[in-house]
Amino acid sequence: MKMNVRNILILILSITIIIMGIGFVVLFFKLNSLRSLDNSFSVDFIKVRKLSSVKGGSVEPKSNVEISSNGKLINMDFTLSNENDIVTYEIVIKNTGNIDAEVNELLMSPDYINDFKKQAYPITFEISDITGKVLEPDEETNVKLTVMYSSSPTKDVKNIKGKIGIIASK
């Protein structure tokens, strides 16, 4: 009788160990698949398109706006010669991650809109405000960048270079 009880206990313990082993294997694969999802957000500039160029005088305004640093920066180079020269670009921003992302700010360096406005005078910059906009995964939004040569007593050719970056959070 002692042998039977001992054998039954060994059998129960063996089955328990086998079930626990199977449970750990299932748990391992489940946790591994969750880890590979890697929830992340990445808000990038994906496209820049020139919408218009208005000539205020005899010389056509020159401009070059392009994406750099894998979509993290926009390089800008403008040469405006006459009052009322206006160049307008459309910039497409996309959340290339797999979770929602909020656009905190578009940063210009140097900041010709606020801090370095006098250095750029008579050139003025306008950028659409998308601060606080939440982008879902793969969602895009457009930003309009307008650069213009305002009325001024000085009639110098102005060459302005800068960068635009984007700050976002989840």
N, C-alpha and C. Protein backbone atom coordinates (compact mmCIF):
# COMPACT_ATOMS: atom_id res chain seq x y z
N MET A 1 0.80 -1.18 0.00
CA MET A 1 0.00 0.00 0.00
C MET A 1 0.85 1.26 0.00
N LYS A 2 1.97 1.17 0.76
CA LYS A 2 2.86 2.30 0.78
C LYS A 2 3.39 2.59 -0.60
N MET A 3 3.64 1.59 -1.35
CA MET A 3 4.18 1.72 -2.69
C MET A 3 3.19 2.44 -3.60
N ASN A 4 1.92 2.11 -3.48
CA ASN A 4 0.91 2.72 -4.31
C ASN A 4 0.76 4.22 -4.03
N VAL A 5 0.71 4.60 -2.78
CA VAL A 5 0.57 6.00 -2.41
C VAL A 5 1.80 6.77 -2.89
N ARG A 6 2.97 6.17 -2.69
CA ARG A 6 4.20 6.83 -3.14
C ARG A 6 4.21 6.98 -4.66
N ASN A 7 3.82 5.99 -5.39
CA ASN A 7 3.78 6.05 -6.85
C ASN A 7 2.76 7.09 -7.34
N ILE A 8 1.62 7.14 -6.64
CA ILE A 8 0.60 8.12 -7.02
C ILE A 8 1.11 9.53 -6.79
N LEU A 9 1.79 9.76 -5.67
CA LEU A 9 2.35 11.08 -5.39
C LEU A 9 3.43 11.46 -6.42
N ILE A 10 4.28 10.51 -6.77
CA ILE A 10 5.31 10.77 -7.79
C ILE A 10 4.65 11.09 -9.13
N LEU A 11 3.62 10.37 -9.49
CA LEU A 11 2.91 10.62 -10.74
C LEU A 11 2.26 12.01 -10.73
N ILE A 12 1.63 12.38 -9.61
CA ILE A 12 1.00 13.70 -9.51
C ILE A 12 2.05 14.80 -9.60
N LEU A 13 3.16 14.65 -8.91
CA LEU A 13 4.24 15.64 -8.97
C LEU A 13 4.83 15.72 -10.38
N SER A 14 5.00 14.60 -11.04
CA SER A 14 5.54 14.60 -12.41
C SER A 14 4.59 15.34 -13.35
N ILE A 15 3.31 15.08 -13.25
CA ILE A 15 2.33 15.77 -14.10
C ILE A 15 2.33 17.27 -13.80
N THR A 16 2.43 17.63 -12.52
CA THR A 16 2.47 19.04 -12.13
C THR A 16 3.69 19.73 -12.74
N ILE A 17 4.84 19.09 -12.69
CA ILE A 17 6.06 19.66 -13.26
C ILE A 17 5.93 19.82 -14.77
N ILE A 18 5.35 18.86 -15.42
CA ILE A 18 5.17 18.94 -16.89
C ILE A 18 4.22 20.10 -17.23
N ILE A 19 3.11 20.23 -16.50
CA ILE A 19 2.16 21.31 -16.75
C ILE A 19 2.82 22.68 -16.50
N MET A 20 3.60 22.77 -15.42
CA MET A 20 4.29 24.04 -15.13
C MET A 20 5.30 24.36 -16.24
N GLY A 21 6.00 23.36 -16.73
CA GLY A 21 6.96 23.58 -17.83
C GLY A 21 6.26 24.10 -19.07
N ILE A 22 5.13 23.50 -19.41
CA ILE A 22 4.37 23.96 -20.58
C ILE A 22 3.87 25.39 -20.34
N GLY A 23 3.41 25.68 -19.13
CA GLY A 23 2.94 27.03 -18.79
C GLY A 23 4.05 28.06 -18.94
N PHE A 24 5.26 27.73 -18.48
CA PHE A 24 6.38 28.66 -18.62
C PHE A 24 6.76 28.89 -20.07
N VAL A 25 6.69 27.85 -20.89
CA VAL A 25 6.99 28.02 -22.32
C VAL A 25 5.96 28.94 -22.97
N VAL A 26 4.68 28.75 -22.66
CA VAL A 26 3.62 29.60 -23.21
C VAL A 26 3.81 31.04 -22.73
N LEU A 27 4.10 31.22 -21.46
CA LEU A 27 4.33 32.54 -20.90
C LEU A 27 5.53 33.22 -21.56
N PHE A 28 6.61 32.47 -21.78
CA PHE A 28 7.80 33.01 -22.42
C PHE A 28 7.47 33.56 -23.81
N PHE A 29 6.75 32.78 -24.62
CA PHE A 29 6.41 33.22 -25.98
C PHE A 29 5.45 34.41 -25.95
N LYS A 30 4.52 34.43 -25.01
CA LYS A 30 3.59 35.55 -24.90
C LYS A 30 4.33 36.84 -24.52
N LEU A 31 5.22 36.78 -23.55
CA LEU A 31 5.99 37.95 -23.14
C LEU A 31 6.94 38.40 -24.25
N ASN A 32 7.51 37.47 -24.96
CA ASN A 32 8.42 37.79 -26.06
C ASN A 32 7.68 38.53 -27.18
N SER A 33 6.46 38.11 -27.48
CA SER A 33 5.70 38.78 -28.53
C SER A 33 5.28 40.18 -28.09
N LEU A 34 4.97 40.38 -26.81
CA LEU A 34 4.63 41.71 -26.32
C LEU A 34 5.83 42.64 -26.37
N ARG A 35 7.00 42.13 -26.07
CA ARG A 35 8.21 42.95 -26.09
C ARG A 35 8.54 43.40 -27.51
N SER A 36 8.24 42.57 -28.49
CA SER A 36 8.58 42.92 -29.88
C SER A 36 7.65 43.99 -30.46
N LEU A 37 6.54 44.30 -29.80
CA LEU A 37 5.65 45.34 -30.31
C LEU A 37 6.30 46.71 -30.25
N ASP A 38 7.10 46.97 -29.24
CA ASP A 38 7.89 48.21 -29.11
C ASP A 38 7.06 49.44 -29.45
N ASN A 39 6.22 49.83 -28.53
CA ASN A 39 5.39 51.02 -28.73
C ASN A 39 6.27 52.26 -28.81
N SER A 40 6.18 52.96 -29.93
CA SER A 40 6.99 54.16 -30.11
C SER A 40 6.26 55.15 -31.01
N PHE A 41 6.71 56.40 -30.93
CA PHE A 41 6.21 57.43 -31.83
C PHE A 41 7.41 58.09 -32.48
N SER A 42 7.21 58.56 -33.68
CA SER A 42 8.25 59.27 -34.40
C SER A 42 7.56 60.22 -35.37
N VAL A 43 7.65 61.49 -35.07
CA VAL A 43 7.01 62.50 -35.91
C VAL A 43 8.09 63.08 -36.82
N ASP A 44 7.89 62.95 -38.12
CA ASP A 44 8.92 63.32 -39.10
C ASP A 44 8.35 64.22 -40.18
N PHE A 45 9.24 65.01 -40.77
CA PHE A 45 8.91 65.74 -41.99
C PHE A 45 9.06 64.73 -43.12
N ILE A 46 8.03 64.58 -43.94
CA ILE A 46 8.13 63.57 -45.00
C ILE A 46 8.11 64.17 -46.41
N LYS A 47 7.60 65.41 -46.54
CA LYS A 47 7.54 65.98 -47.88
C LYS A 47 7.51 67.50 -47.79
N VAL A 48 8.20 68.15 -48.72
CA VAL A 48 8.17 69.61 -48.84
C VAL A 48 7.82 69.94 -50.28
N ARG A 49 6.86 70.85 -50.44
CA ARG A 49 6.43 71.20 -51.78
C ARG A 49 6.28 72.70 -51.87
N LYS A 50 6.85 73.30 -52.90
CA LYS A 50 6.72 74.73 -53.12
C LYS A 50 5.34 75.01 -53.69
N LEU A 51 4.57 75.82 -52.97
CA LEU A 51 3.22 76.15 -53.43
C LEU A 51 3.23 77.33 -54.39
N SER A 52 4.00 78.38 -54.04
CA SER A 52 4.01 79.55 -54.91
C SER A 52 5.25 80.39 -54.68
N SER A 53 5.56 81.18 -55.69
CA SER A 53 6.65 82.14 -55.62
C SER A 53 6.17 83.39 -56.34
N VAL A 54 6.05 84.49 -55.57
CA VAL A 54 5.55 85.73 -56.14
C VAL A 54 6.72 86.69 -56.27
N LYS A 55 6.91 87.19 -57.49
CA LYS A 55 7.99 88.13 -57.78
C LYS A 55 7.50 89.54 -57.53
N GLY A 56 8.17 90.25 -56.59
CA GLY A 56 7.77 91.62 -56.27
C GLY A 56 8.44 92.65 -57.16
N GLY A 57 9.43 92.25 -57.90
CA GLY A 57 10.16 93.18 -58.78
C GLY A 57 10.63 92.45 -60.01
N SER A 58 11.83 92.78 -60.48
CA SER A 58 12.34 92.20 -61.72
C SER A 58 13.09 90.87 -61.49
N VAL A 59 13.45 90.58 -60.26
CA VAL A 59 14.23 89.37 -59.98
C VAL A 59 13.36 88.35 -59.25
N GLU A 60 13.35 87.14 -59.77
CA GLU A 60 12.58 86.04 -59.16
C GLU A 60 13.21 85.66 -57.82
N PRO A 61 12.41 85.51 -56.75
CA PRO A 61 12.98 85.06 -55.47
C PRO A 61 13.51 83.64 -55.60
N LYS A 62 14.64 83.38 -54.95
CA LYS A 62 15.24 82.04 -54.98
C LYS A 62 15.01 81.39 -53.62
N SER A 63 14.74 80.11 -53.66
CA SER A 63 14.52 79.40 -52.40
C SER A 63 14.86 77.93 -52.57
N ASN A 64 15.32 77.36 -51.49
CA ASN A 64 15.59 75.93 -51.43
C ASN A 64 15.21 75.45 -50.04
N VAL A 65 14.25 74.58 -49.97
CA VAL A 65 13.81 74.01 -48.70
C VAL A 65 13.82 72.50 -48.89
N GLU A 66 14.60 71.82 -48.04
CA GLU A 66 14.71 70.35 -48.18
C GLU A 66 14.79 69.68 -46.82
N ILE A 67 14.38 68.43 -46.81
CA ILE A 67 14.38 67.61 -45.59
C ILE A 67 15.76 67.00 -45.40
N SER A 68 16.23 66.99 -44.13
CA SER A 68 17.52 66.36 -43.82
C SER A 68 17.39 65.59 -42.50
N SER A 69 18.47 64.94 -42.13
CA SER A 69 18.55 64.19 -40.86
C SER A 69 17.41 63.18 -40.71
N ASN A 70 17.17 62.41 -41.76
CA ASN A 70 16.15 61.37 -41.76
C ASN A 70 14.77 61.89 -41.36
N GLY A 71 14.42 63.06 -41.87
CA GLY A 71 13.10 63.61 -41.62
C GLY A 71 12.97 64.41 -40.35
N LYS A 72 14.05 64.64 -39.64
CA LYS A 72 13.99 65.36 -38.37
C LYS A 72 14.19 66.87 -38.53
N LEU A 73 14.81 67.30 -39.63
CA LEU A 73 15.09 68.73 -39.84
C LEU A 73 14.70 69.15 -41.24
N ILE A 74 14.44 70.44 -41.39
CA ILE A 74 14.27 71.05 -42.70
C ILE A 74 15.31 72.14 -42.82
N ASN A 75 16.08 72.09 -43.89
CA ASN A 75 17.06 73.14 -44.19
C ASN A 75 16.41 74.15 -45.11
N MET A 76 16.60 75.44 -44.80
CA MET A 76 15.99 76.51 -45.59
C MET A 76 17.07 77.46 -46.09
N ASP A 77 16.90 77.93 -47.31
CA ASP A 77 17.80 78.94 -47.88
C ASP A 77 16.95 79.81 -48.81
N PHE A 78 16.80 81.08 -48.44
CA PHE A 78 15.98 82.01 -49.21
C PHE A 78 16.82 83.20 -49.63
N THR A 79 16.66 83.64 -50.87
CA THR A 79 17.25 84.89 -51.35
C THR A 79 16.12 85.70 -51.97
N LEU A 80 15.77 86.78 -51.27
CA LEU A 80 14.69 87.66 -51.72
C LEU A 80 15.30 89.01 -52.04
N SER A 81 14.91 89.58 -53.18
CA SER A 81 15.55 90.79 -53.69
C SER A 81 14.67 92.02 -53.66
N ASN A 82 13.37 91.85 -53.70
CA ASN A 82 12.47 92.99 -53.88
C ASN A 82 11.35 92.97 -52.85
N GLU A 83 10.83 94.17 -52.56
CA GLU A 83 9.63 94.26 -51.74
C GLU A 83 8.54 93.42 -52.39
N ASN A 84 7.75 92.79 -51.55
CA ASN A 84 6.61 91.96 -51.97
C ASN A 84 7.02 90.63 -52.61
N ASP A 85 8.30 90.25 -52.54
CA ASP A 85 8.69 88.88 -52.90
C ASP A 85 8.09 87.96 -51.84
N ILE A 86 7.42 86.91 -52.29
CA ILE A 86 6.80 85.96 -51.35
C ILE A 86 7.05 84.55 -51.85
N VAL A 87 7.47 83.67 -50.95
CA VAL A 87 7.66 82.27 -51.26
C VAL A 87 6.87 81.46 -50.24
N THR A 88 6.07 80.52 -50.72
CA THR A 88 5.23 79.71 -49.83
C THR A 88 5.50 78.23 -50.08
N TYR A 89 5.67 77.49 -48.98
CA TYR A 89 5.90 76.05 -49.04
C TYR A 89 4.86 75.33 -48.20
N GLU A 90 4.55 74.11 -48.62
CA GLU A 90 3.73 73.20 -47.82
C GLU A 90 4.65 72.11 -47.31
N ILE A 91 4.61 71.88 -46.00
CA ILE A 91 5.45 70.86 -45.37
C ILE A 91 4.51 69.81 -44.79
N VAL A 92 4.75 68.55 -45.12
CA VAL A 92 3.91 67.46 -44.62
C VAL A 92 4.65 66.78 -43.47
N ILE A 93 3.94 66.66 -42.35
CA ILE A 93 4.47 66.02 -41.15
C ILE A 93 3.66 64.76 -40.90
N LYS A 94 4.35 63.67 -40.51
CA LYS A 94 3.67 62.38 -40.32
C LYS A 94 4.16 61.70 -39.04
N ASN A 95 3.23 61.05 -38.35
CA ASN A 95 3.59 60.19 -37.22
C ASN A 95 3.91 58.81 -37.79
N THR A 96 5.17 58.49 -37.88
CA THR A 96 5.59 57.20 -38.46
C THR A 96 5.71 56.12 -37.39
N GLY A 97 5.32 56.42 -36.15
CA GLY A 97 5.36 55.42 -35.08
C GLY A 97 4.08 54.61 -35.04
N ASN A 98 3.92 53.84 -33.94
CA ASN A 98 2.73 53.00 -33.84
C ASN A 98 1.84 53.38 -32.65
N ILE A 99 2.08 54.56 -32.04
CA ILE A 99 1.19 55.09 -31.01
C ILE A 99 0.94 56.58 -31.30
N ASP A 100 -0.08 57.14 -30.68
CA ASP A 100 -0.40 58.56 -30.87
C ASP A 100 0.77 59.44 -30.42
N ALA A 101 0.95 60.57 -31.09
CA ALA A 101 2.00 61.53 -30.73
C ALA A 101 1.43 62.94 -30.80
N GLU A 102 1.82 63.77 -29.85
CA GLU A 102 1.38 65.16 -29.82
C GLU A 102 2.53 66.05 -30.29
N VAL A 103 2.21 66.96 -31.22
CA VAL A 103 3.21 67.92 -31.69
C VAL A 103 3.30 69.01 -30.62
N ASN A 104 4.47 69.13 -30.00
CA ASN A 104 4.66 70.15 -28.96
C ASN A 104 5.04 71.50 -29.54
N GLU A 105 5.91 71.46 -30.58
CA GLU A 105 6.36 72.73 -31.13
C GLU A 105 7.16 72.51 -32.41
N LEU A 106 7.09 73.49 -33.29
CA LEU A 106 7.99 73.57 -34.43
C LEU A 106 9.02 74.64 -34.07
N LEU A 107 10.29 74.27 -34.12
CA LEU A 107 11.35 75.20 -33.75
C LEU A 107 12.12 75.66 -34.97
N MET A 108 12.34 76.95 -35.04
CA MET A 108 13.15 77.51 -36.12
C MET A 108 14.48 77.96 -35.53
N SER A 109 15.55 77.67 -36.22
CA SER A 109 16.87 78.08 -35.76
C SER A 109 17.62 78.74 -36.91
N PRO A 110 18.04 79.97 -36.78
CA PRO A 110 17.66 80.92 -35.73
C PRO A 110 16.18 81.22 -35.78
N ASP A 111 15.65 81.67 -34.65
CA ASP A 111 14.22 81.95 -34.54
C ASP A 111 13.91 83.31 -35.14
N TYR A 112 13.69 83.33 -36.46
CA TYR A 112 13.41 84.58 -37.17
C TYR A 112 12.02 85.14 -36.86
N ILE A 113 11.16 84.33 -36.25
CA ILE A 113 9.81 84.80 -35.93
C ILE A 113 9.84 85.65 -34.65
N ASN A 114 10.68 85.29 -33.69
CA ASN A 114 10.71 86.01 -32.41
C ASN A 114 12.08 86.64 -32.13
N ASP A 115 13.04 85.83 -31.68
CA ASP A 115 14.30 86.34 -31.16
C ASP A 115 15.19 87.03 -32.19
N PHE A 116 15.26 86.53 -33.40
CA PHE A 116 16.16 87.08 -34.40
C PHE A 116 15.41 87.83 -35.51
N LYS A 117 14.26 88.35 -35.17
CA LYS A 117 13.42 89.05 -36.13
C LYS A 117 14.16 90.26 -36.73
N LYS A 118 14.92 90.98 -35.91
CA LYS A 118 15.63 92.17 -36.39
C LYS A 118 16.73 91.81 -37.39
N GLN A 119 17.40 90.67 -37.18
CA GLN A 119 18.46 90.27 -38.10
C GLN A 119 17.91 89.91 -39.47
N ALA A 120 16.68 89.45 -39.53
CA ALA A 120 16.08 89.05 -40.79
C ALA A 120 15.37 90.21 -41.48
N TYR A 121 15.11 91.30 -40.76
CA TYR A 121 14.35 92.43 -41.32
C TYR A 121 14.93 92.86 -42.65
N PRO A 122 14.13 93.06 -43.65
CA PRO A 122 12.68 93.15 -43.75
C PRO A 122 12.00 91.84 -44.13
N ILE A 123 12.70 90.72 -43.98
CA ILE A 123 12.12 89.41 -44.30
C ILE A 123 11.29 88.95 -43.09
N THR A 124 10.08 88.48 -43.35
CA THR A 124 9.24 87.95 -42.27
C THR A 124 8.86 86.50 -42.58
N PHE A 125 8.70 85.73 -41.54
CA PHE A 125 8.36 84.32 -41.64
C PHE A 125 7.03 84.07 -40.97
N GLU A 126 6.23 83.19 -41.56
CA GLU A 126 4.98 82.73 -40.94
C GLU A 126 4.93 81.22 -41.09
N ILE A 127 4.61 80.53 -39.99
CA ILE A 127 4.46 79.07 -40.00
C ILE A 127 3.13 78.74 -39.35
N SER A 128 2.37 77.85 -39.98
CA SER A 128 1.09 77.41 -39.39
C SER A 128 1.35 76.86 -38.00
N ASP A 129 0.46 77.17 -37.07
CA ASP A 129 0.61 76.69 -35.69
C ASP A 129 -0.11 75.35 -35.55
N ILE A 130 0.65 74.31 -35.28
CA ILE A 130 0.05 72.99 -35.06
C ILE A 130 0.37 72.49 -33.65
N THR A 131 0.79 73.40 -32.79
CA THR A 131 1.11 73.04 -31.41
C THR A 131 -0.10 72.39 -30.75
N GLY A 132 0.12 71.25 -30.12
CA GLY A 132 -0.95 70.53 -29.43
C GLY A 132 -1.71 69.56 -30.30
N LYS A 133 -1.42 69.52 -31.59
CA LYS A 133 -2.12 68.60 -32.50
C LYS A 133 -1.66 67.17 -32.20
N VAL A 134 -2.62 66.27 -32.04
CA VAL A 134 -2.31 64.86 -31.80
C VAL A 134 -2.43 64.10 -33.11
N LEU A 135 -1.35 63.40 -33.46
CA LEU A 135 -1.33 62.60 -34.68
C LEU A 135 -1.41 61.13 -34.31
N GLU A 136 -2.36 60.44 -34.91
CA GLU A 136 -2.45 59.00 -34.73
C GLU A 136 -1.38 58.33 -35.59
N PRO A 137 -1.08 57.04 -35.36
CA PRO A 137 -0.09 56.36 -36.19
C PRO A 137 -0.44 56.49 -37.68
N ASP A 138 0.55 56.83 -38.48
CA ASP A 138 0.44 57.02 -39.94
C ASP A 138 -0.41 58.23 -40.34
N GLU A 139 -0.81 59.06 -39.40
CA GLU A 139 -1.57 60.26 -39.74
C GLU A 139 -0.61 61.38 -40.17
N GLU A 140 -1.06 62.17 -41.13
CA GLU A 140 -0.26 63.29 -41.64
C GLU A 140 -0.99 64.60 -41.37
N THR A 141 -0.22 65.68 -41.30
CA THR A 141 -0.78 67.03 -41.23
C THR A 141 0.10 67.96 -42.04
N ASN A 142 -0.48 69.03 -42.51
CA ASN A 142 0.26 69.98 -43.36
C ASN A 142 0.56 71.26 -42.59
N VAL A 143 1.72 71.81 -42.87
CA VAL A 143 2.15 73.08 -42.30
C VAL A 143 2.48 73.99 -43.47
N LYS A 144 2.06 75.23 -43.36
CA LYS A 144 2.35 76.21 -44.42
C LYS A 144 3.44 77.15 -43.92
N LEU A 145 4.51 77.28 -44.70
CA LEU A 145 5.62 78.19 -44.41
C LEU A 145 5.62 79.28 -45.46
N THR A 146 5.50 80.53 -45.01
CA THR A 146 5.51 81.66 -45.93
C THR A 146 6.65 82.61 -45.53
N VAL A 147 7.45 82.98 -46.52
CA VAL A 147 8.55 83.92 -46.31
C VAL A 147 8.32 85.09 -47.24
N MET A 148 8.35 86.31 -46.68
CA MET A 148 8.07 87.47 -47.52
C MET A 148 9.01 88.64 -47.21
N TYR A 149 9.24 89.41 -48.26
CA TYR A 149 10.05 90.63 -48.17
C TYR A 149 9.06 91.77 -47.98
N SER A 150 8.99 92.31 -46.76
CA SER A 150 8.03 93.38 -46.45
C SER A 150 8.56 94.73 -46.92
N SER A 151 7.70 95.72 -46.87
CA SER A 151 8.12 97.08 -47.22
C SER A 151 9.23 97.53 -46.28
N SER A 152 10.24 98.20 -46.86
CA SER A 152 11.38 98.61 -46.06
C SER A 152 12.08 99.79 -46.72
N PRO A 153 12.68 100.68 -45.91
CA PRO A 153 13.46 101.77 -46.50
C PRO A 153 14.74 101.26 -47.17
N THR A 154 15.25 100.13 -46.71
CA THR A 154 16.44 99.55 -47.33
C THR A 154 16.01 98.61 -48.45
N LYS A 155 16.74 98.60 -49.52
CA LYS A 155 16.38 97.77 -50.68
C LYS A 155 17.47 96.73 -50.95
N ASP A 156 17.98 96.11 -49.90
CA ASP A 156 19.07 95.14 -50.04
C ASP A 156 18.53 93.77 -50.42
N VAL A 157 19.36 93.01 -51.11
CA VAL A 157 19.07 91.59 -51.36
C VAL A 157 19.34 90.87 -50.04
N LYS A 158 18.40 90.08 -49.60
CA LYS A 158 18.54 89.38 -48.33
C LYS A 158 18.65 87.90 -48.56
N ASN A 159 19.68 87.29 -47.98
CA ASN A 159 19.86 85.85 -48.01
C ASN A 159 19.69 85.34 -46.59
N ILE A 160 18.72 84.49 -46.40
CA ILE A 160 18.39 83.96 -45.08
C ILE A 160 18.51 82.44 -45.11
N LYS A 161 19.26 81.89 -44.15
CA LYS A 161 19.39 80.44 -44.01
C LYS A 161 18.92 80.04 -42.63
N GLY A 162 18.39 78.86 -42.52
CA GLY A 162 17.97 78.38 -41.20
C GLY A 162 17.51 76.95 -41.27
N LYS A 163 17.01 76.48 -40.13
CA LYS A 163 16.51 75.12 -40.02
C LYS A 163 15.20 75.13 -39.24
N ILE A 164 14.38 74.13 -39.49
CA ILE A 164 13.17 73.93 -38.71
C ILE A 164 13.22 72.50 -38.17
N GLY A 165 12.93 72.37 -36.88
CA GLY A 165 12.86 71.05 -36.25
C GLY A 165 11.50 70.89 -35.61
N ILE A 166 11.21 69.66 -35.19
CA ILE A 166 9.91 69.38 -34.60
C ILE A 166 10.12 68.68 -33.26
N ILE A 167 9.33 69.09 -32.27
CA ILE A 167 9.35 68.45 -30.95
C ILE A 167 7.98 67.83 -30.74
N ALA A 168 7.99 66.55 -30.38
CA ALA A 168 6.73 65.83 -30.15
C ALA A 168 6.87 64.93 -28.93
N SER A 169 5.73 64.55 -28.38
CA SER A 169 5.72 63.63 -27.23
C SER A 169 4.52 62.71 -27.35
N LYS A 170 4.51 61.66 -26.52
CA LYS A 170 3.35 60.76 -26.56
C LYS A 170 2.36 61.10 -25.52
